[in-house]
C-alpha atoms as a PDB file:
ATOM      1  CA  MET A   1       1.690  15.942  17.001  1.00  0.00           C
ATOM      2  CA  LYS A   2       4.461  14.546  14.835  1.00  0.00           C
ATOM      3  CA  TRP A   3       4.601  16.539  11.604  1.00  0.00           C
ATOM      4  CA  LYS A   4       5.687  13.522   9.541  1.00  0.00           C
ATOM      5  CA  ASN A   5       2.632  11.580  10.693  1.00  0.00           C
ATOM      6  CA  GLY A   6       0.471  14.561   9.809  1.00  0.00           C
ATOM      7  CA  LEU A   7       1.915  14.727   6.298  1.00  0.00           C
ATOM      8  CA  LEU A   8       1.270  11.013   5.787  1.00  0.00           C
ATOM      9  CA  LEU A   9      -2.358  11.459   6.828  1.00  0.00           C
ATOM     10  CA  LEU A  10      -2.689  14.531   4.598  1.00  0.00           C
ATOM     11  CA  LEU A  11      -1.377  12.497   1.652  1.00  0.00           C
ATOM     12  CA  THR A  12      -3.891   9.799   2.583  1.00  0.00           C
ATOM     13  CA  ALA A  13      -6.726  12.335   2.523  1.00  0.00           C
ATOM     14  CA  THR A  14      -5.554  13.603  -0.879  1.00  0.00           C
ATOM     15  CA  ILE A  15      -5.569  10.110  -2.394  1.00  0.00           C
ATOM     16  CA  TRP A  16      -9.007   9.402  -0.912  1.00  0.00           C
ATOM     17  CA  GLY A  17     -10.356  12.737  -2.160  1.00  0.00           C
ATOM     18  CA  VAL A  18      -9.320  11.973  -5.734  1.00  0.00           C
ATOM     19  CA  ALA A  19     -10.671   8.426  -5.293  1.00  0.00           C
ATOM     20  CA  PHE A  20     -14.218   9.854  -5.094  1.00  0.00           C
ATOM     21  CA  VAL A  21     -13.868  10.568  -8.816  1.00  0.00           C
ATOM     22  CA  ALA A  22     -12.735   7.000  -9.508  1.00  0.00           C
ATOM     23  CA  GLN A  23     -15.473   5.625  -7.261  1.00  0.00           C
ATOM     24  CA  SER A  24     -18.144   7.616  -9.073  1.00  0.00           C
ATOM     25  CA  LEU A  25     -16.920   6.482 -12.488  1.00  0.00           C
ATOM     26  CA  GLY A  26     -16.607   2.839 -11.418  1.00  0.00           C
ATOM     27  CA  MET A  27     -20.197   2.678 -10.196  1.00  0.00           C
ATOM     28  CA  GLU A  28     -21.351   3.418 -13.747  1.00  0.00           C
ATOM     29  CA  TYR A  29     -20.253  -0.101 -14.739  1.00  0.00           C
ATOM     30  CA  ILE A  30     -20.535  -2.400 -11.713  1.00  0.00           C
ATOM     31  CA  GLY A  31     -22.355  -2.770  -8.370  1.00  0.00           C
ATOM     32  CA  PRO A  32     -21.008  -1.701  -4.950  1.00  0.00           C
ATOM     33  CA  PHE A  33     -20.059  -5.191  -3.708  1.00  0.00           C
ATOM     34  CA  THR A  34     -18.333  -6.010  -7.007  1.00  0.00           C
ATOM     35  CA  PHE A  35     -16.422  -2.737  -6.926  1.00  0.00           C
ATOM     36  CA  ASN A  36     -15.248  -3.256  -3.336  1.00  0.00           C
ATOM     37  CA  ALA A  37     -14.452  -6.946  -3.883  1.00  0.00           C
ATOM     38  CA  VAL A  38     -12.172  -6.220  -6.835  1.00  0.00           C
ATOM     39  CA  ARG A  39     -10.498  -3.086  -5.506  1.00  0.00           C
ATOM     40  CA  CYS A  40      -9.791  -4.533  -2.050  1.00  0.00           C
ATOM     41  CA  SER A  41      -8.373  -7.732  -3.548  1.00  0.00           C
ATOM     42  CA  ILE A  42      -6.081  -5.613  -5.710  1.00  0.00           C
ATOM     43  CA  GLY A  43      -5.124  -3.497  -2.688  1.00  0.00           C
ATOM     44  CA  GLY A  44      -4.156  -6.578  -0.679  1.00  0.00           C
ATOM     45  CA  ALA A  45      -2.254  -8.135  -3.586  1.00  0.00           C
ATOM     46  CA  VAL A  46      -0.242  -4.958  -4.124  1.00  0.00           C
ATOM     47  CA  LEU A  47       1.050  -5.134  -0.548  1.00  0.00           C
ATOM     48  CA  ILE A  48       2.327  -8.728  -0.732  1.00  0.00           C
ATOM     49  CA  PRO A  49       5.594  -7.901  -2.572  1.00  0.00           C
ATOM     50  CA  VAL A  50       6.031  -4.887  -0.285  1.00  0.00           C
ATOM     51  CA  ILE A  51       5.874  -7.178   2.754  1.00  0.00           C
ATOM     52  CA  PHE A  52       8.396  -9.635   1.297  1.00  0.00           C
ATOM     53  CA  LEU A  53      10.743  -6.803   0.304  1.00  0.00           C
ATOM     54  CA  ALA A  54      10.565  -5.266   3.785  1.00  0.00           C
ATOM     55  CA  ASP A  55      11.267  -8.642   5.446  1.00  0.00           C
ATOM     56  CA  TRP A  56      14.216  -9.273   3.083  1.00  0.00           C
ATOM     57  CA  LEU A  57      15.718  -5.854   3.809  1.00  0.00           C
ATOM     58  CA  GLU A  58      15.264  -6.408   7.549  1.00  0.00           C
ATOM     59  CA  LYS A  59      17.115  -9.734   7.449  1.00  0.00           C
ATOM     60  CA  ARG A  60      19.852  -8.297   5.246  1.00  0.00           C
ATOM     61  CA  GLU A  61      20.571  -5.385   7.555  1.00  0.00           C
ATOM     62  CA  LYS A  62      20.947  -7.608  10.665  1.00  0.00           C
ATOM     63  CA  PRO A  63      21.151  -4.774  13.205  1.00  0.00           C
ATOM     64  CA  ASP A  64      23.264  -5.264  16.294  1.00  0.00           C
ATOM     65  CA  ASP A  65      21.740  -5.497  19.757  1.00  0.00           C
ATOM     66  CA  GLY A  66      22.230  -1.803  20.421  1.00  0.00           C
ATOM     67  CA  ARG A  67      20.204  -0.810  17.378  1.00  0.00           C
ATOM     68  CA  ALA A  68      17.685  -3.646  17.194  1.00  0.00           C
ATOM     69  CA  MET A  69      14.961  -1.970  19.215  1.00  0.00           C
ATOM     70  CA  GLU A  70      15.030   1.150  17.063  1.00  0.00           C
ATOM     71  CA  HIS A  71      15.202  -0.937  13.879  1.00  0.00           C
ATOM     72  CA  GLU A  72      12.123  -2.945  14.847  1.00  0.00           C
ATOM     73  CA  ARG A  73      10.260   0.203  15.781  1.00  0.00           C
ATOM     74  CA  MET A  74      11.029   1.757  12.397  1.00  0.00           C
ATOM     75  CA  ALA A  75       9.958  -1.473  10.713  1.00  0.00           C
ATOM     76  CA  GLY A  76       6.555  -0.996  12.327  1.00  0.00           C
ATOM     77  CA  LYS A  77       6.575  -3.825  14.856  1.00  0.00           C
ATOM     78  CA  GLY A  78       6.402  -1.898  18.127  1.00  0.00           C
ATOM     79  CA  GLY A  79       4.608  -3.418  21.081  1.00  0.00           C
ATOM     80  CA  GLY A  80       7.522  -3.479  23.545  1.00  0.00           C
ATOM     81  CA  GLN A  81       9.980  -5.393  21.412  1.00  0.00           C
ATOM     82  CA  THR A  82      13.461  -6.045  22.805  1.00  0.00           C
ATOM     83  CA  GLY A  83      16.700  -5.565  20.928  1.00  0.00           C
ATOM     84  CA  LYS A  84      17.526  -9.274  21.058  1.00  0.00           C
ATOM     85  CA  GLY A  85      14.812 -10.392  18.641  1.00  0.00           C
ATOM     86  CA  LEU A  86      11.604 -12.282  19.255  1.00  0.00           C
ATOM     87  CA  THR A  87      11.396 -15.619  20.974  1.00  0.00           C
ATOM     88  CA  GLU A  88       9.142 -18.279  19.465  1.00  0.00           C
ATOM     89  CA  LYS A  89       6.482 -17.526  22.056  1.00  0.00           C
ATOM     90  CA  GLU A  90       6.655 -13.777  21.390  1.00  0.00           C
ATOM     91  CA  ALA A  91       6.486 -14.348  17.631  1.00  0.00           C
ATOM     92  CA  ALA A  92       3.386 -16.515  18.049  1.00  0.00           C
ATOM     93  CA  GLN A  93       1.771 -13.835  20.206  1.00  0.00           C
ATOM     94  CA  GLU A  94       2.565 -11.184  17.611  1.00  0.00           C
ATOM     95  CA  ARG A  95       1.006 -13.297  14.849  1.00  0.00           C
ATOM     96  CA  LYS A  96      -2.108 -13.767  16.991  1.00  0.00           C
ATOM     97  CA  ILE A  97      -2.455 -10.010  17.534  1.00  0.00           C
ATOM     98  CA  LEU A  98      -1.837  -9.357  13.830  1.00  0.00           C
ATOM     99  CA  LEU A  99      -4.534 -11.821  12.804  1.00  0.00           C
ATOM    100  CA  SER A 100      -7.079 -10.508  15.300  1.00  0.00           C
ATOM    101  CA  GLY A 101      -6.282  -6.932  14.270  1.00  0.00           C
ATOM    102  CA  GLY A 102      -6.593  -7.750  10.575  1.00  0.00           C
ATOM    103  CA  LEU A 103      -9.908  -9.511  11.107  1.00  0.00           C
ATOM    104  CA  SER A 104     -11.304  -6.681  13.248  1.00  0.00           C
ATOM    105  CA  CYS A 105     -10.177  -3.877  10.930  1.00  0.00           C
ATOM    106  CA  GLY A 106     -11.176  -5.872   7.845  1.00  0.00           C
ATOM    107  CA  LEU A 107     -14.698  -6.514   9.123  1.00  0.00           C
ATOM    108  CA  LEU A 108     -15.207  -2.870  10.075  1.00  0.00           C
ATOM    109  CA  PHE A 109     -13.780  -1.719   6.756  1.00  0.00           C
ATOM    110  CA  PHE A 110     -16.062  -4.111   4.855  1.00  0.00           C
ATOM    111  CA  LEU A 111     -19.152  -2.875   6.667  1.00  0.00           C
ATOM    112  CA  ALA A 112     -18.256   0.824   6.420  1.00  0.00           C
ATOM    113  CA  THR A 113     -17.327   0.899   2.734  1.00  0.00           C
ATOM    114  CA  ASN A 114     -20.326  -1.125   1.598  1.00  0.00           C
ATOM    115  CA  PHE A 115     -22.804   0.854   3.704  1.00  0.00           C
ATOM    116  CA  GLN A 116     -21.327   3.948   2.072  1.00  0.00           C
ATOM    117  CA  GLN A 117     -21.504   2.541  -1.459  1.00  0.00           C
ATOM    118  CA  ILE A 118     -25.107   1.431  -1.056  1.00  0.00           C
ATOM    119  CA  GLY A 119     -26.147   4.618   0.737  1.00  0.00           C
ATOM    120  CA  ILE A 120     -24.816   6.810  -2.081  1.00  0.00           C
ATOM    121  CA  MET A 121     -27.304   5.102  -4.385  1.00  0.00           C
ATOM    122  CA  TYR A 122     -30.219   6.591  -2.387  1.00  0.00           C
ATOM    123  CA  THR A 123     -28.928  10.038  -1.419  1.00  0.00           C
ATOM    124  CA  THR A 124     -26.988  12.931  -2.909  1.00  0.00           C
ATOM    125  CA  VAL A 125     -23.208  12.993  -3.001  1.00  0.00           C
ATOM    126  CA  GLY A 126     -23.191  16.213  -0.931  1.00  0.00           C
ATOM    127  CA  LYS A 127     -25.209  14.694   1.890  1.00  0.00           C
ATOM    128  CA  ALA A 128     -23.168  11.483   1.758  1.00  0.00           C
ATOM    129  CA  GLY A 129     -19.931  13.462   2.049  1.00  0.00           C
ATOM    130  CA  PHE A 130     -21.197  15.471   4.995  1.00  0.00           C
ATOM    131  CA  ILE A 131     -22.643  12.532   6.906  1.00  0.00           C
ATOM    132  CA  THR A 132     -19.603  10.304   6.324  1.00  0.00           C
ATOM    133  CA  ALA A 133     -17.299  13.029   7.617  1.00  0.00           C
ATOM    134  CA  CYS A 134     -19.296  13.112  10.863  1.00  0.00           C
ATOM    135  CA  TYR A 135     -16.762  10.558  12.109  1.00  0.00           C
ATOM    136  CA  ILE A 136     -14.707  13.571  13.219  1.00  0.00           C
ATOM    137  CA  VAL A 137     -17.376  14.103  15.904  1.00  0.00           C
ATOM    138  CA  ILE A 138     -18.207  10.457  16.533  1.00  0.00           C
ATOM    139  CA  VAL A 139     -14.578   9.518  17.286  1.00  0.00           C
ATOM    140  CA  PRO A 140     -14.184  11.825  20.333  1.00  0.00           C
ATOM    141  CA  VAL A 141     -17.716  10.976  21.497  1.00  0.00           C
ATOM    142  CA  LEU A 142     -16.864   7.278  21.437  1.00  0.00           C
ATOM    143  CA  GLY A 143     -13.590   8.133  23.130  1.00  0.00           C
ATOM    144  CA  ILE A 144     -15.506   9.384  26.151  1.00  0.00           C
ATOM    145  CA  PHE A 145     -16.676   5.811  26.750  1.00  0.00           C
ATOM    146  CA  LEU A 146     -13.008   4.733  26.588  1.00  0.00           C
ATOM    147  CA  ASN A 147     -12.073   7.254  29.290  1.00  0.00           C
ATOM    148  CA  LYS A 148     -10.157   9.432  26.814  1.00  0.00           C
ATOM    149  CA  ALA A 149     -10.784  13.133  27.178  1.00  0.00           C
ATOM    150  CA  CYS A 150     -10.436  15.866  24.546  1.00  0.00           C
ATOM    151  CA  GLY A 151      -9.037  19.329  25.167  1.00  0.00           C
ATOM    152  CA  PRO A 152     -11.049  22.477  24.352  1.00  0.00           C
ATOM    153  CA  ALA A 153      -8.950  23.235  21.249  1.00  0.00           C
ATOM    154  CA  VAL A 154      -9.779  19.844  19.769  1.00  0.00           C
ATOM    155  CA  TRP A 155     -13.492  20.242  20.488  1.00  0.00           C
ATOM    156  CA  GLY A 156     -13.363  23.711  18.925  1.00  0.00           C
ATOM    157  CA  ALA A 157     -11.649  22.265  15.866  1.00  0.00           C
ATOM    158  CA  VAL A 158     -14.309  19.548  15.627  1.00  0.00           C
ATOM    159  CA  ALA A 159     -17.072  22.176  15.683  1.00  0.00           C
ATOM    160  CA  LEU A 160     -15.243  24.297  13.111  1.00  0.00           C
ATOM    161  CA  ALA A 161     -14.675  21.282  10.873  1.00  0.00           C
ATOM    162  CA  LEU A 162     -18.393  20.432  10.975  1.00  0.00           C
ATOM    163  CA  ILE A 163     -19.259  23.982   9.925  1.00  0.00           C
ATOM    164  CA  GLY A 164     -16.759  23.732   7.081  1.00  0.00           C
ATOM    165  CA  LEU A 165     -18.128  20.392   5.951  1.00  0.00           C
ATOM    166  CA  TYR A 166     -21.667  21.765   5.993  1.00  0.00           C
ATOM    167  CA  LEU A 167     -20.673  24.751   3.864  1.00  0.00           C
ATOM    168  CA  LEU A 168     -18.739  22.485   1.539  1.00  0.00           C
ATOM    169  CA  CYS A 169     -21.217  19.655   1.038  1.00  0.00           C
ATOM    170  CA  MET A 170     -24.751  20.859   1.796  1.00  0.00           C
ATOM    171  CA  GLU A 171     -26.555  22.871  -0.856  1.00  0.00           C
ATOM    172  CA  GLY A 172     -30.075  24.212  -1.021  1.00  0.00           C
ATOM    173  CA  ASP A 173     -32.486  21.671   0.421  1.00  0.00           C
ATOM    174  CA  GLY A 174     -31.030  21.503   3.950  1.00  0.00           C
ATOM    175  CA  PHE A 175     -30.639  18.370   6.021  1.00  0.00           C
ATOM    176  CA  SER A 176     -33.119  15.511   6.163  1.00  0.00           C
ATOM    177  CA  ILE A 177     -32.832  11.826   6.962  1.00  0.00           C
ATOM    178  CA  SER A 178     -33.713   9.489   4.121  1.00  0.00           C
ATOM    179  CA  ARG A 179     -32.922   5.798   3.720  1.00  0.00           C
ATOM    180  CA  GLY A 180     -29.657   6.651   2.021  1.00  0.00           C
ATOM    181  CA  ASP A 181     -28.768   9.227   4.698  1.00  0.00           C
ATOM    182  CA  PHE A 182     -29.362   6.639   7.425  1.00  0.00           C
ATOM    183  CA  LEU A 183     -27.140   4.064   5.677  1.00  0.00           C
ATOM    184  CA  VAL A 184     -24.320   6.592   5.305  1.00  0.00           C
ATOM    185  CA  LEU A 185     -24.734   7.609   8.956  1.00  0.00           C
ATOM    186  CA  ILE A 186     -24.159   3.962   9.901  1.00  0.00           C
ATOM    187  CA  CYS A 187     -21.090   4.108   7.648  1.00  0.00           C
ATOM    188  CA  ALA A 188     -19.770   7.112   9.616  1.00  0.00           C
ATOM    189  CA  VAL A 189     -20.144   5.224  12.912  1.00  0.00           C
ATOM    190  CA  LEU A 190     -18.351   2.213  11.435  1.00  0.00           C
ATOM    191  CA  PHE A 191     -15.497   4.351  10.108  1.00  0.00           C
ATOM    192  CA  SER A 192     -15.167   5.858  13.594  1.00  0.00           C
ATOM    193  CA  LEU A 193     -14.809   2.370  15.064  1.00  0.00           C
ATOM    194  CA  HIS A 194     -12.318   1.555  12.306  1.00  0.00           C
ATOM    195  CA  ILE A 195     -10.180   4.567  13.278  1.00  0.00           C
ATOM    196  CA  LEU A 196     -10.239   3.499  16.928  1.00  0.00           C
ATOM    197  CA  ALA A 197      -9.369  -0.097  15.988  1.00  0.00           C
ATOM    198  CA  ILE A 198      -6.364   1.068  13.971  1.00  0.00           C
ATOM    199  CA  ASP A 199      -5.334   3.307  16.867  1.00  0.00           C
ATOM    200  CA  TYR A 200      -5.302   0.223  19.106  1.00  0.00           C
ATOM    201  CA  PHE A 201      -3.606  -2.305  16.819  1.00  0.00           C
ATOM    202  CA  SER A 202      -1.148  -0.194  14.799  1.00  0.00           C
ATOM    203  CA  PRO A 203       1.414   0.255  17.624  1.00  0.00           C
ATOM    204  CA  LEU A 204       1.403  -3.508  18.290  1.00  0.00           C
ATOM    205  CA  VAL A 205       1.965  -5.004  14.826  1.00  0.00           C
ATOM    206  CA  ASN A 206       3.472  -4.356  11.401  1.00  0.00           C
ATOM    207  CA  GLY A 207       1.270  -1.751   9.734  1.00  0.00           C
ATOM    208  CA  VAL A 208       1.694  -3.017   6.171  1.00  0.00           C
ATOM    209  CA  LYS A 209       0.776  -6.585   7.150  1.00  0.00           C
ATOM    210  CA  LEU A 210      -2.247  -5.320   9.082  1.00  0.00           C
ATOM    211  CA  SER A 211      -3.360  -3.338   6.046  1.00  0.00           C
ATOM    212  CA  CYS A 212      -2.890  -6.322   3.720  1.00  0.00           C
ATOM    213  CA  ILE A 213      -5.001  -8.627   5.892  1.00  0.00           C
ATOM    214  CA  GLN A 214      -7.828  -6.124   6.282  1.00  0.00           C
ATOM    215  CA  PHE A 215      -8.094  -5.678   2.509  1.00  0.00           C
ATOM    216  CA  PHE A 216      -8.265  -9.383   1.795  1.00  0.00           C
ATOM    217  CA  ILE A 217     -10.908  -9.789   4.518  1.00  0.00           C
ATOM    218  CA  CYS A 218     -12.966  -6.979   2.997  1.00  0.00           C
ATOM    219  CA  GLY A 219     -12.446  -8.355  -0.523  1.00  0.00           C
ATOM    220  CA  ILE A 220     -13.529 -11.879   0.433  1.00  0.00           C
ATOM    221  CA  LEU A 221     -16.627 -10.733   2.328  1.00  0.00           C
ATOM    222  CA  SER A 222     -17.596  -8.348  -0.479  1.00  0.00           C
ATOM    223  CA  ALA A 223     -17.166 -11.164  -3.026  1.00  0.00           C
ATOM    224  CA  VAL A 224     -19.562 -13.389  -1.062  1.00  0.00           C
ATOM    225  CA  PHE A 225     -22.261 -10.714  -1.112  1.00  0.00           C
ATOM    226  CA  MET A 226     -21.427  -9.927  -4.741  1.00  0.00           C
ATOM    227  CA  LEU A 227     -22.196 -13.493  -5.809  1.00  0.00           C
ATOM    228  CA  PHE A 228     -25.516 -13.573  -3.956  1.00  0.00           C
ATOM    229  CA  LEU A 229     -26.807 -10.046  -4.538  1.00  0.00           C
ATOM    230  CA  GLU A 230     -25.251  -8.926  -7.815  1.00  0.00           C
ATOM    231  CA  LYS A 231     -24.560 -10.345 -11.254  1.00  0.00           C
ATOM    232  CA  PRO A 232     -20.924  -9.483 -11.990  1.00  0.00           C
ATOM    233  CA  VAL A 233     -19.931  -9.503 -15.652  1.00  0.00           C
ATOM    234  CA  LEU A 234     -16.252  -9.692 -16.585  1.00  0.00           C
ATOM    235  CA  ALA A 235     -16.733  -7.289 -19.493  1.00  0.00           C
ATOM    236  CA  ASP A 236     -18.171  -4.653 -17.138  1.00  0.00           C
ATOM    237  CA  ILE A 237     -15.299  -5.090 -14.684  1.00  0.00           C
ATOM    238  CA  LEU A 238     -12.761  -4.720 -17.505  1.00  0.00           C
ATOM    239  CA  ALA A 239     -14.580  -1.632 -18.750  1.00  0.00           C
ATOM    240  CA  ALA A 240     -14.060  -0.062 -15.323  1.00  0.00           C
ATOM    241  CA  TRP A 241     -10.366  -0.998 -15.176  1.00  0.00           C
ATOM    242  CA  ALA A 242      -9.041   2.560 -14.689  1.00  0.00           C
ATOM    243  CA  PRO A 243     -11.169   3.578 -11.656  1.00  0.00           C
ATOM    244  CA  ILE A 244     -10.792   0.091 -10.163  1.00  0.00           C
ATOM    245  CA  LEU A 245      -7.002   0.197 -10.431  1.00  0.00           C
ATOM    246  CA  TYR A 246      -6.825   3.647  -8.854  1.00  0.00           C
ATOM    247  CA  ALA A 247      -9.173   2.659  -6.056  1.00  0.00           C
ATOM    248  CA  GLY A 248      -7.332  -0.634  -5.523  1.00  0.00           C
ATOM    249  CA  VAL A 249      -3.704   0.411  -5.825  1.00  0.00           C
ATOM    250  CA  MET A 250      -3.794   4.003  -4.573  1.00  0.00           C
ATOM    251  CA  SER A 251      -6.877   4.313  -2.355  1.00  0.00           C
ATOM    252  CA  CYS A 252      -6.527   0.851  -0.784  1.00  0.00           C
ATOM    253  CA  GLY A 253      -2.959  -0.364  -1.177  1.00  0.00           C
ATOM    254  CA  VAL A 254      -1.231   2.980  -0.613  1.00  0.00           C
ATOM    255  CA  ALA A 255      -3.595   5.299   1.276  1.00  0.00           C
ATOM    256  CA  TYR A 256      -4.922   2.921   3.926  1.00  0.00           C
ATOM    257  CA  THR A 257      -1.386   1.736   4.611  1.00  0.00           C
ATOM    258  CA  LEU A 258      -0.294   5.363   5.052  1.00  0.00           C
ATOM    259  CA  GLN A 259      -3.249   5.795   7.414  1.00  0.00           C
ATOM    260  CA  ILE A 260      -2.134   2.902   9.601  1.00  0.00           C
ATOM    261  CA  ILE A 261       1.472   4.129   9.666  1.00  0.00           C
ATOM    262  CA  GLY A 262       0.510   7.778  10.090  1.00  0.00           C
ATOM    263  CA  GLN A 263      -1.810   7.105  13.039  1.00  0.00           C
ATOM    264  CA  LYS A 264       1.015   5.657  15.126  1.00  0.00           C
ATOM    265  CA  GLY A 265       1.700   8.025  17.997  1.00  0.00           C
ATOM    266  CA  MET A 266      -1.135  10.379  17.004  1.00  0.00           C
ATOM    267  CA  SER A 267      -4.499  10.759  18.705  1.00  0.00           C
ATOM    268  CA  PRO A 268      -7.542   9.332  16.861  1.00  0.00           C
ATOM    269  CA  THR A 269      -9.377  12.675  16.979  1.00  0.00           C
ATOM    270  CA  LEU A 270      -6.551  14.620  15.334  1.00  0.00           C
ATOM    271  CA  SER A 271      -6.143  11.799  12.805  1.00  0.00           C
ATOM    272  CA  SER A 272      -9.827  11.941  11.904  1.00  0.00           C
ATOM    273  CA  LEU A 273      -9.678  15.731  11.517  1.00  0.00           C
ATOM    274  CA  ILE A 274      -6.817  15.532   9.026  1.00  0.00           C
ATOM    275  CA  LEU A 275      -8.407  12.615   7.185  1.00  0.00           C
ATOM    276  CA  SER A 276     -11.661  14.583   6.918  1.00  0.00           C
ATOM    277  CA  LEU A 277      -9.888  16.905   4.472  1.00  0.00           C
ATOM    278  CA  GLU A 278     -10.736  14.286   1.855  1.00  0.00           C
ATOM    279  CA  SER A 279     -14.111  16.037   1.523  1.00  0.00           C
ATOM    280  CA  SER A 280     -12.452  19.313   0.544  1.00  0.00           C
ATOM    281  CA  ILE A 281     -10.001  17.558  -1.752  1.00  0.00           C
ATOM    282  CA  SER A 282     -12.781  15.564  -3.430  1.00  0.00           C
ATOM    283  CA  VAL A 283     -14.529  18.812  -4.372  1.00  0.00           C
ATOM    284  CA  LEU A 284     -11.284  20.210  -5.772  1.00  0.00           C
ATOM    285  CA  ALA A 285     -10.667  16.959  -7.665  1.00  0.00           C
ATOM    286  CA  GLY A 286     -14.150  17.090  -9.153  1.00  0.00           C
ATOM    287  CA  TRP A 287     -13.505  20.672 -10.234  1.00  0.00           C
ATOM    288  CA  MET A 288     -10.101  19.960 -11.785  1.00  0.00           C
ATOM    289  CA  ILE A 289     -10.784  16.502 -13.309  1.00  0.00           C
ATOM    290  CA  LEU A 290     -14.520  16.472 -14.036  1.00  0.00           C
ATOM    291  CA  GLY A 291     -14.997  20.192 -14.616  1.00  0.00           C
ATOM    292  CA  GLN A 292     -17.408  20.624 -11.693  1.00  0.00           C
ATOM    293  CA  LYS A 293     -17.513  24.255 -10.551  1.00  0.00           C
ATOM    294  CA  LEU A 294     -16.985  25.403  -6.978  1.00  0.00           C
ATOM    295  CA  SER A 295     -19.345  27.969  -5.496  1.00  0.00           C
ATOM    296  CA  GLN A 296     -18.186  30.712  -3.149  1.00  0.00           C
ATOM    297  CA  ARG A 297     -19.836  28.778  -0.330  1.00  0.00           C
ATOM    298  CA  GLN A 298     -17.776  25.661  -1.136  1.00  0.00           C
ATOM    299  CA  PHE A 299     -14.558  27.655  -1.272  1.00  0.00           C
ATOM    300  CA  LEU A 300     -15.452  29.073   2.155  1.00  0.00           C
ATOM    301  CA  GLY A 301     -16.016  25.522   3.405  1.00  0.00           C
ATOM    302  CA  CYS A 302     -12.522  24.520   2.264  1.00  0.00           C
ATOM    303  CA  ALA A 303     -11.051  27.521   4.088  1.00  0.00           C
ATOM    304  CA  VAL A 304     -12.957  26.742   7.302  1.00  0.00           C
ATOM    305  CA  MET A 305     -11.812  23.109   7.140  1.00  0.00           C
ATOM    306  CA  PHE A 306      -8.203  24.251   6.827  1.00  0.00           C
ATOM    307  CA  GLY A 307      -8.701  26.493   9.844  1.00  0.00           C
ATOM    308  CA  ALA A 308      -9.974  23.505  11.835  1.00  0.00           C
ATOM    309  CA  ILE A 309      -6.812  21.534  11.066  1.00  0.00           C
ATOM    310  CA  VAL A 310      -4.608  24.456  12.131  1.00  0.00           C
ATOM    311  CA  LEU A 311      -6.575  24.900  15.368  1.00  0.00           C
ATOM    312  CA  ALA A 312      -6.279  21.190  16.174  1.00  0.00           C
ATOM    313  CA  GLN A 313      -2.494  21.369  15.905  1.00  0.00           C
ATOM    314  CA  LEU A 314      -1.989  24.415  18.127  1.00  0.00           C
ATOM    315  CA  PRO A 315       0.242  23.666  21.141  1.00  0.00           C
ATOM    316  CA  GLY A 316      -1.632  22.898  24.315  1.00  0.00           C
ATOM    317  CA  LYS A 317      -1.795  20.599  27.281  1.00  0.00           C
ATOM    318  CA  ARG A 318      -3.062  17.125  26.400  1.00  0.00           C
ATOM    319  CA  SER A 319      -3.292  14.141  28.614  1.00  0.00           C
ATOM    320  CA  SER A 320      -1.290  11.107  27.565  1.00  0.00           C
ATOM    321  CA  GLU A 321      -4.528   9.204  27.876  1.00  0.00           C
ATOM    322  CA  GLY A 322      -6.540  11.739  25.904  1.00  0.00           C
ATOM    323  CA  PHE A 323      -7.252  12.510  22.274  1.00  0.00           C
END
């Protein structure tokens, strides 16, 4: 595993963990579709100047033929580019892949985030956090159907991470399936598919552009449902400006872009394990920002989760086709 990619995903998990605080505060003012419509639109808009700046810097540098392949790889294009630049046909093919990737990731992101937002309304935050993080198990299970095998260390880390998440998120009343639990479980499956979609498209296209498209797709679809199912009021949206800006700029614009970049060259299962640290970080953020206390059991859950990440990164034989 590339340590730089791991750090990017860890930073992503940190931003997402703190975003639970912003998400909780934002829902006090507006509905789930309104919240996601506004924050995803902001997230996409934030990336537009980044894209133009990156393209301008790329044209200004004008790398020679000997360095072009490496330059394009660092710029996030990948997909077997040559050092002589793209032909018109290759550029058209790249745009087609970018659009299909943005649409696919955007649709999955729209479904996952809104199932989560609605599900939280009918279940506890602890159960929602545990069930959502089940994508760390669902990803390798889905990978079996894609002929991608996992090594024993990864499966051990998955089991350890589940134990840590249970200790961290579940309190008192045990585990039962309610309407909200079922909706969040669907969210976990959708986030698993989203991780696999990013794993497929991120090596083929520019990661920032892919992220920008997926946010606008999610924002547009959320806005459609917002207009039909909710009654958005501008005053309420303005009242929630702080959590919306954090969720839009940091959680969407920054974190999901870091996810796309960080997943390049890393297996989906290891990516999902690192990203699952958001559950631990969200508890710490609630403790530090909202004054919510951590029990000894929750501290133990954080420690077990950290152990799962370490176990997943231990050296071992992994197939190039595996997770």
